[in-house]
């Protein structure tokens, strides 16, 4: 059952409920578009930058899992085609592109159901893939 979804609750409704209850938004929404795992494969490059800046220990830990195999040269990274080290080096450009994409989205987006939140906020660095089942709910 998805009571919010079934009742047509949208983002503004959730924000109001959180504020009225005294909970507010968790701090990680300052750099993330949705909740989920720190090492989520589906997070945007700008969110990896947010992790680096807000929790460098977790960013370093995630980075330590990325590997290249010696015999084949195959890379295993969190993001297709780019390592966290490479993402960190492009921080300014990634954040600029992301900010511009969010601004465009905010200017044109109607008040949408939660399930559609950020689905259309594309930027030059990220191809939106569907989130994992936990965040997709």
N, C-alpha and C. Protein backbone atom coordinates (compact mmCIF):
# COMPACT_ATOMS: atom_id res chain seq x y z
N UNK A 1 0.84 -1.19 0.00
CA UNK A 1 0.00 0.00 0.00
C UNK A 1 0.88 1.25 0.00
N UNK A 2 0.44 2.24 -0.71
CA UNK A 2 1.13 3.52 -0.79
C UNK A 2 0.14 4.63 -0.50
N UNK A 3 -0.13 4.88 0.78
CA UNK A 3 -1.20 5.81 1.12
C UNK A 3 -1.00 7.22 0.57
N UNK A 4 0.21 7.76 0.59
CA UNK A 4 0.42 9.10 0.04
C UNK A 4 0.11 9.10 -1.45
N UNK A 5 0.66 8.14 -2.15
CA UNK A 5 0.46 8.05 -3.58
C UNK A 5 -1.03 7.86 -3.90
N UNK A 6 -1.67 6.97 -3.19
CA UNK A 6 -3.08 6.68 -3.42
C UNK A 6 -3.98 7.88 -3.10
N UNK A 7 -3.56 8.71 -2.15
CA UNK A 7 -4.35 9.89 -1.79
C UNK A 7 -3.98 11.13 -2.59
N UNK A 8 -3.06 10.98 -3.55
CA UNK A 8 -2.68 12.12 -4.39
C UNK A 8 -1.81 13.14 -3.68
N UNK A 9 -1.10 12.70 -2.63
CA UNK A 9 -0.20 13.61 -1.90
C UNK A 9 0.96 13.97 -2.81
N UNK A 10 1.26 15.25 -2.89
CA UNK A 10 2.36 15.74 -3.72
C UNK A 10 3.46 16.32 -2.83
N UNK A 11 4.56 16.71 -3.45
CA UNK A 11 5.73 17.17 -2.72
C UNK A 11 5.39 18.27 -1.71
N UNK A 12 4.66 19.27 -2.13
CA UNK A 12 4.33 20.38 -1.23
C UNK A 12 3.55 19.89 -0.01
N UNK A 13 2.70 18.89 -0.21
CA UNK A 13 1.95 18.32 0.92
C UNK A 13 2.90 17.66 1.92
N UNK A 14 3.86 16.92 1.40
CA UNK A 14 4.83 16.25 2.27
C UNK A 14 5.67 17.27 3.03
N UNK A 15 6.12 18.31 2.34
CA UNK A 15 6.91 19.36 3.00
C UNK A 15 6.10 20.02 4.12
N UNK A 16 4.84 20.30 3.84
CA UNK A 16 3.97 20.91 4.85
C UNK A 16 3.81 19.98 6.05
N UNK A 17 3.57 18.70 5.80
CA UNK A 17 3.41 17.72 6.88
C UNK A 17 4.69 17.66 7.74
N UNK A 18 5.83 17.63 7.09
CA UNK A 18 7.10 17.57 7.83
C UNK A 18 7.32 18.82 8.68
N UNK A 19 7.03 19.98 8.10
CA UNK A 19 7.20 21.23 8.85
C UNK A 19 6.21 21.32 10.01
N UNK A 20 4.96 21.00 9.76
CA UNK A 20 3.93 21.09 10.81
C UNK A 20 4.19 20.11 11.95
N UNK A 21 4.82 18.99 11.64
CA UNK A 21 5.11 18.00 12.68
C UNK A 21 6.35 18.36 13.48
N UNK A 22 7.11 19.34 12.99
CA UNK A 22 8.33 19.73 13.67
C UNK A 22 9.56 18.97 13.21
N UNK A 23 9.39 18.04 12.28
CA UNK A 23 10.53 17.26 11.79
C UNK A 23 11.36 18.02 10.77
N UNK A 24 10.71 18.67 9.83
CA UNK A 24 11.43 19.34 8.75
C UNK A 24 12.10 18.32 7.84
N UNK A 25 12.89 18.82 6.90
CA UNK A 25 13.61 17.94 5.98
C UNK A 25 14.94 17.51 6.59
N UNK A 26 15.37 16.28 6.35
CA UNK A 26 16.70 15.86 6.79
C UNK A 26 17.77 16.73 6.12
N UNK A 27 18.89 16.91 6.80
CA UNK A 27 19.97 17.76 6.28
C UNK A 27 20.50 17.31 4.92
N UNK A 28 20.44 16.00 4.64
CA UNK A 28 21.03 15.54 3.38
C UNK A 28 20.27 16.04 2.16
N UNK A 29 19.06 16.58 2.33
CA UNK A 29 18.35 17.14 1.19
C UNK A 29 18.98 18.45 0.73
N UNK A 30 19.97 18.95 1.45
CA UNK A 30 20.69 20.12 0.98
C UNK A 30 21.51 19.79 -0.26
N UNK A 31 21.86 18.51 -0.44
CA UNK A 31 22.64 18.12 -1.61
C UNK A 31 22.08 16.91 -2.33
N UNK A 32 21.00 16.34 -1.85
CA UNK A 32 20.42 15.16 -2.50
C UNK A 32 18.99 15.44 -2.93
N UNK A 33 18.57 14.76 -3.97
CA UNK A 33 17.22 14.95 -4.47
C UNK A 33 16.25 13.94 -3.90
N UNK A 34 16.76 12.90 -3.30
CA UNK A 34 15.91 11.89 -2.69
C UNK A 34 16.71 11.17 -1.63
N UNK A 35 16.02 10.45 -0.78
CA UNK A 35 16.73 9.70 0.24
C UNK A 35 17.32 8.46 -0.39
N UNK A 36 18.01 7.69 0.38
CA UNK A 36 18.60 6.47 -0.14
C UNK A 36 19.97 6.23 0.45
N UNK A 37 20.63 5.27 -0.10
CA UNK A 37 21.95 4.86 0.39
C UNK A 37 23.02 5.89 0.02
N UNK A 38 23.99 6.05 0.87
CA UNK A 38 25.12 6.94 0.54
C UNK A 38 25.79 6.52 -0.75
N UNK A 39 25.89 5.21 -0.98
CA UNK A 39 26.61 4.71 -2.14
C UNK A 39 25.66 4.29 -3.26
N UNK A 40 24.56 4.98 -3.40
CA UNK A 40 23.55 4.63 -4.39
C UNK A 40 24.12 4.76 -5.81
N UNK A 41 23.98 3.70 -6.59
CA UNK A 41 24.43 3.72 -7.98
C UNK A 41 23.66 4.75 -8.81
N UNK A 42 22.45 5.08 -8.38
CA UNK A 42 21.56 5.92 -9.17
C UNK A 42 21.67 7.40 -8.84
N UNK A 43 22.51 7.78 -7.87
CA UNK A 43 22.58 9.20 -7.56
C UNK A 43 23.33 9.95 -8.65
N UNK A 44 23.03 11.21 -8.72
CA UNK A 44 23.64 12.07 -9.72
C UNK A 44 25.06 12.43 -9.34
N UNK A 45 25.80 12.89 -10.33
CA UNK A 45 27.18 13.30 -10.07
C UNK A 45 27.23 14.45 -9.08
N UNK A 46 26.27 15.36 -9.16
CA UNK A 46 26.22 16.47 -8.20
C UNK A 46 26.00 15.94 -6.77
N UNK A 47 25.28 14.84 -6.65
CA UNK A 47 25.06 14.25 -5.32
C UNK A 47 26.32 13.58 -4.80
N UNK A 48 27.13 13.01 -5.70
CA UNK A 48 28.43 12.49 -5.28
C UNK A 48 29.31 13.64 -4.77
N UNK A 49 29.24 14.78 -5.45
CA UNK A 49 29.99 15.96 -4.99
C UNK A 49 29.48 16.39 -3.61
N UNK A 50 28.17 16.37 -3.42
CA UNK A 50 27.61 16.69 -2.10
C UNK A 50 28.09 15.74 -1.03
N UNK A 51 28.18 14.47 -1.36
CA UNK A 51 28.71 13.50 -0.40
C UNK A 51 30.16 13.81 -0.08
N UNK A 52 30.94 14.13 -1.11
CA UNK A 52 32.35 14.47 -0.91
C UNK A 52 32.50 15.67 0.03
N UNK A 53 31.67 16.67 -0.16
CA UNK A 53 31.79 17.89 0.62
C UNK A 53 31.18 17.79 2.02
N UNK A 54 30.19 16.94 2.19
CA UNK A 54 29.50 16.82 3.47
C UNK A 54 29.96 15.63 4.31
N UNK A 55 30.40 14.58 3.63
CA UNK A 55 30.87 13.38 4.32
C UNK A 55 32.09 12.82 3.58
N UNK A 56 33.21 13.53 3.66
CA UNK A 56 34.39 13.09 2.90
C UNK A 56 34.83 11.68 3.25
N UNK A 57 34.59 11.25 4.47
CA UNK A 57 34.97 9.89 4.85
C UNK A 57 34.17 8.86 4.07
N UNK A 58 32.88 9.11 3.87
CA UNK A 58 32.05 8.18 3.10
C UNK A 58 32.38 8.25 1.61
N UNK A 59 32.70 9.43 1.13
CA UNK A 59 33.12 9.57 -0.27
C UNK A 59 34.41 8.78 -0.50
N UNK A 60 35.36 8.93 0.41
CA UNK A 60 36.63 8.19 0.30
C UNK A 60 36.39 6.68 0.34
N UNK A 61 35.48 6.27 1.21
CA UNK A 61 35.17 4.85 1.31
C UNK A 61 34.56 4.35 0.00
N UNK A 62 33.63 5.10 -0.56
CA UNK A 62 33.02 4.73 -1.84
C UNK A 62 34.08 4.67 -2.93
N UNK A 63 34.97 5.64 -2.91
CA UNK A 63 36.04 5.70 -3.91
C UNK A 63 36.95 4.48 -3.80
N UNK A 64 37.17 4.00 -2.59
CA UNK A 64 38.06 2.85 -2.39
C UNK A 64 37.49 1.57 -3.00
N UNK A 65 36.19 1.52 -3.25
CA UNK A 65 35.58 0.34 -3.86
C UNK A 65 35.75 0.31 -5.38
N UNK A 66 36.06 1.44 -5.97
CA UNK A 66 36.24 1.49 -7.41
C UNK A 66 37.57 0.82 -7.78
N UNK A 67 37.53 0.01 -8.80
CA UNK A 67 38.72 -0.77 -9.17
C UNK A 67 38.89 -0.83 -10.68
N UNK A 68 40.12 -1.06 -11.08
CA UNK A 68 40.43 -1.42 -12.46
C UNK A 68 41.14 -2.77 -12.40
N UNK A 69 40.73 -3.68 -13.28
CA UNK A 69 41.40 -4.97 -13.30
C UNK A 69 42.64 -4.85 -14.15
N UNK A 70 43.72 -5.43 -13.69
CA UNK A 70 44.98 -5.35 -14.41
C UNK A 70 44.96 -6.11 -15.74
N UNK A 71 44.51 -7.36 -15.76
CA UNK A 71 44.58 -8.09 -17.04
C UNK A 71 43.74 -7.47 -18.16
N UNK A 72 42.55 -7.02 -17.87
CA UNK A 72 41.66 -6.52 -18.93
C UNK A 72 41.55 -5.01 -18.96
N UNK A 73 41.91 -4.34 -17.89
CA UNK A 73 41.76 -2.90 -17.81
C UNK A 73 40.33 -2.46 -17.58
N UNK A 74 39.44 -3.41 -17.29
CA UNK A 74 38.04 -3.09 -17.03
C UNK A 74 37.94 -2.25 -15.77
N UNK A 75 37.14 -1.19 -15.85
CA UNK A 75 36.95 -0.32 -14.69
C UNK A 75 35.61 -0.62 -14.03
N UNK A 76 35.61 -0.62 -12.73
CA UNK A 76 34.38 -0.77 -11.96
C UNK A 76 34.19 0.52 -11.18
N UNK A 77 33.21 1.32 -11.60
CA UNK A 77 32.98 2.62 -10.98
C UNK A 77 31.50 2.75 -10.62
N UNK A 78 31.21 3.72 -9.77
CA UNK A 78 29.83 3.98 -9.36
C UNK A 78 29.03 4.59 -10.49
N UNK A 79 29.69 5.36 -11.33
CA UNK A 79 29.04 6.02 -12.46
C UNK A 79 29.63 5.45 -13.75
N UNK A 80 28.79 5.21 -14.72
CA UNK A 80 29.27 4.69 -16.00
C UNK A 80 30.26 5.66 -16.63
N UNK A 81 31.45 5.15 -16.92
CA UNK A 81 32.42 5.92 -17.68
C UNK A 81 33.20 6.98 -16.93
N UNK A 82 32.98 7.12 -15.61
CA UNK A 82 33.71 8.15 -14.87
C UNK A 82 33.86 7.72 -13.42
N UNK A 83 35.09 7.80 -12.94
CA UNK A 83 35.35 7.44 -11.55
C UNK A 83 35.00 8.60 -10.62
N UNK A 84 34.91 8.32 -9.34
CA UNK A 84 34.65 9.38 -8.36
C UNK A 84 35.80 10.37 -8.33
N UNK A 85 37.01 9.90 -8.56
CA UNK A 85 38.16 10.81 -8.62
C UNK A 85 37.99 11.80 -9.77
N UNK A 86 37.55 11.29 -10.92
CA UNK A 86 37.33 12.16 -12.08
C UNK A 86 36.16 13.11 -11.84
N UNK A 87 35.13 12.63 -11.20
CA UNK A 87 33.98 13.48 -10.87
C UNK A 87 34.42 14.62 -9.95
N UNK A 88 35.21 14.28 -8.94
CA UNK A 88 35.69 15.29 -7.99
C UNK A 88 36.51 16.39 -8.69
N UNK A 89 37.27 16.00 -9.69
CA UNK A 89 38.08 16.98 -10.43
C UNK A 89 37.22 17.94 -11.24
N UNK A 90 36.01 17.53 -11.59
CA UNK A 90 35.10 18.37 -12.38
C UNK A 90 34.01 19.00 -11.53
N UNK A 91 34.24 19.10 -10.25
CA UNK A 91 33.22 19.57 -9.31
C UNK A 91 32.53 20.86 -9.74
N UNK A 92 33.29 21.88 -10.07
CA UNK A 92 32.69 23.18 -10.41
C UNK A 92 31.77 23.08 -11.62
N UNK A 93 32.21 22.39 -12.65
CA UNK A 93 31.40 22.27 -13.86
C UNK A 93 30.15 21.44 -13.60
N UNK A 94 30.28 20.35 -12.86
CA UNK A 94 29.13 19.50 -12.54
C UNK A 94 28.09 20.30 -11.75
N UNK A 95 28.53 21.03 -10.74
CA UNK A 95 27.58 21.80 -9.93
C UNK A 95 26.94 22.93 -10.73
N UNK A 96 27.70 23.54 -11.62
CA UNK A 96 27.14 24.59 -12.48
C UNK A 96 26.06 24.02 -13.38
N UNK A 97 26.36 22.91 -14.06
CA UNK A 97 25.38 22.28 -14.94
C UNK A 97 24.14 21.84 -14.17
N UNK A 98 24.35 21.30 -13.01
CA UNK A 98 23.23 20.81 -12.20
C UNK A 98 22.34 21.97 -11.74
N UNK A 99 22.97 23.04 -11.29
CA UNK A 99 22.21 24.23 -10.87
C UNK A 99 21.36 24.80 -12.00
N UNK A 100 21.94 24.84 -13.20
CA UNK A 100 21.21 25.34 -14.36
C UNK A 100 20.05 24.41 -14.71
N UNK A 101 20.26 23.11 -14.62
CA UNK A 101 19.19 22.15 -14.92
C UNK A 101 18.06 22.26 -13.91
N UNK A 102 18.39 22.41 -12.64
CA UNK A 102 17.35 22.55 -11.61
C UNK A 102 16.56 23.83 -11.80
N UNK A 103 17.25 24.89 -12.16
CA UNK A 103 16.56 26.17 -12.39
C UNK A 103 15.57 26.04 -13.54
N UNK A 104 16.01 25.42 -14.64
CA UNK A 104 15.11 25.21 -15.79
C UNK A 104 13.90 24.37 -15.36
N UNK A 105 14.16 23.35 -14.58
CA UNK A 105 13.08 22.46 -14.14
C UNK A 105 12.10 23.20 -13.25
N UNK A 106 12.60 23.98 -12.30
CA UNK A 106 11.73 24.71 -11.38
C UNK A 106 10.87 25.74 -12.11
N UNK A 107 11.41 26.31 -13.17
CA UNK A 107 10.66 27.31 -13.93
C UNK A 107 9.53 26.71 -14.75
N UNK A 108 9.63 25.44 -15.09
CA UNK A 108 8.64 24.84 -15.97
C UNK A 108 7.84 23.72 -15.33
N UNK A 109 8.21 23.29 -14.13
CA UNK A 109 7.56 22.12 -13.53
C UNK A 109 6.29 22.48 -12.78
N UNK A 110 5.21 21.80 -13.08
CA UNK A 110 4.00 21.98 -12.26
C UNK A 110 4.17 21.24 -10.93
N UNK A 111 3.24 21.40 -10.05
CA UNK A 111 3.27 20.68 -8.79
C UNK A 111 2.92 19.23 -9.10
N UNK A 112 3.90 18.36 -9.04
CA UNK A 112 3.76 16.98 -9.50
C UNK A 112 3.61 16.00 -8.35
N UNK A 113 3.06 14.85 -8.64
CA UNK A 113 3.04 13.79 -7.63
C UNK A 113 4.47 13.39 -7.27
N UNK A 114 4.66 12.86 -6.07
CA UNK A 114 5.99 12.48 -5.62
C UNK A 114 6.70 11.54 -6.58
N UNK A 115 5.96 10.63 -7.17
CA UNK A 115 6.57 9.63 -8.04
C UNK A 115 7.28 10.28 -9.23
N UNK A 116 6.85 11.50 -9.61
CA UNK A 116 7.46 12.18 -10.75
C UNK A 116 8.51 13.21 -10.34
N UNK A 117 8.73 13.38 -9.06
CA UNK A 117 9.66 14.39 -8.59
C UNK A 117 11.05 14.19 -9.17
N UNK A 118 11.57 15.19 -9.79
CA UNK A 118 12.91 15.24 -10.39
C UNK A 118 13.09 14.33 -11.59
N UNK A 119 12.04 13.66 -12.05
CA UNK A 119 12.21 12.80 -13.21
C UNK A 119 12.63 13.58 -14.45
N UNK A 120 12.23 14.85 -14.54
CA UNK A 120 12.53 15.62 -15.74
C UNK A 120 13.68 16.60 -15.55
N UNK A 121 14.35 16.57 -14.42
CA UNK A 121 15.44 17.52 -14.15
C UNK A 121 16.75 16.94 -14.67
N UNK A 122 16.97 17.03 -15.96
CA UNK A 122 18.19 16.50 -16.56
C UNK A 122 19.26 17.58 -16.61
N UNK A 123 20.50 17.15 -16.56
CA UNK A 123 21.59 18.09 -16.76
C UNK A 123 22.59 17.45 -17.72
N UNK A 124 23.62 18.18 -18.07
CA UNK A 124 24.57 17.71 -19.07
C UNK A 124 25.42 16.54 -18.58
N UNK A 125 25.51 16.35 -17.29
CA UNK A 125 26.38 15.32 -16.75
C UNK A 125 25.68 14.01 -16.45
N UNK A 126 24.40 14.03 -16.28
CA UNK A 126 23.71 12.83 -15.85
C UNK A 126 22.58 12.45 -16.78
N UNK A 127 22.55 11.20 -17.11
CA UNK A 127 21.41 10.65 -17.80
C UNK A 127 20.54 10.07 -16.71
N UNK A 128 19.32 10.49 -16.65
CA UNK A 128 18.44 10.01 -15.60
C UNK A 128 18.09 8.55 -15.83
N UNK A 129 18.45 7.73 -14.89
CA UNK A 129 18.06 6.34 -14.92
C UNK A 129 17.00 6.16 -13.85
N UNK A 130 16.18 5.16 -13.98
CA UNK A 130 15.19 4.95 -12.92
C UNK A 130 15.90 4.62 -11.61
N UNK A 131 15.38 5.11 -10.50
CA UNK A 131 16.00 4.80 -9.22
C UNK A 131 15.78 3.35 -8.85
N UNK A 132 16.48 2.89 -7.82
CA UNK A 132 16.26 1.54 -7.34
C UNK A 132 14.85 1.45 -6.76
N UNK A 133 14.38 0.27 -6.47
CA UNK A 133 13.01 0.09 -6.01
C UNK A 133 12.72 0.84 -4.72
N UNK A 134 13.68 0.99 -3.84
CA UNK A 134 13.45 1.69 -2.58
C UNK A 134 13.08 3.15 -2.86
N UNK A 135 13.88 3.86 -3.65
CA UNK A 135 13.61 5.26 -3.95
C UNK A 135 12.45 5.42 -4.92
N UNK A 136 12.21 4.43 -5.75
CA UNK A 136 11.15 4.53 -6.75
C UNK A 136 9.78 4.50 -6.13
N UNK A 137 9.66 3.96 -4.93
CA UNK A 137 8.37 3.89 -4.27
C UNK A 137 7.90 5.27 -3.93
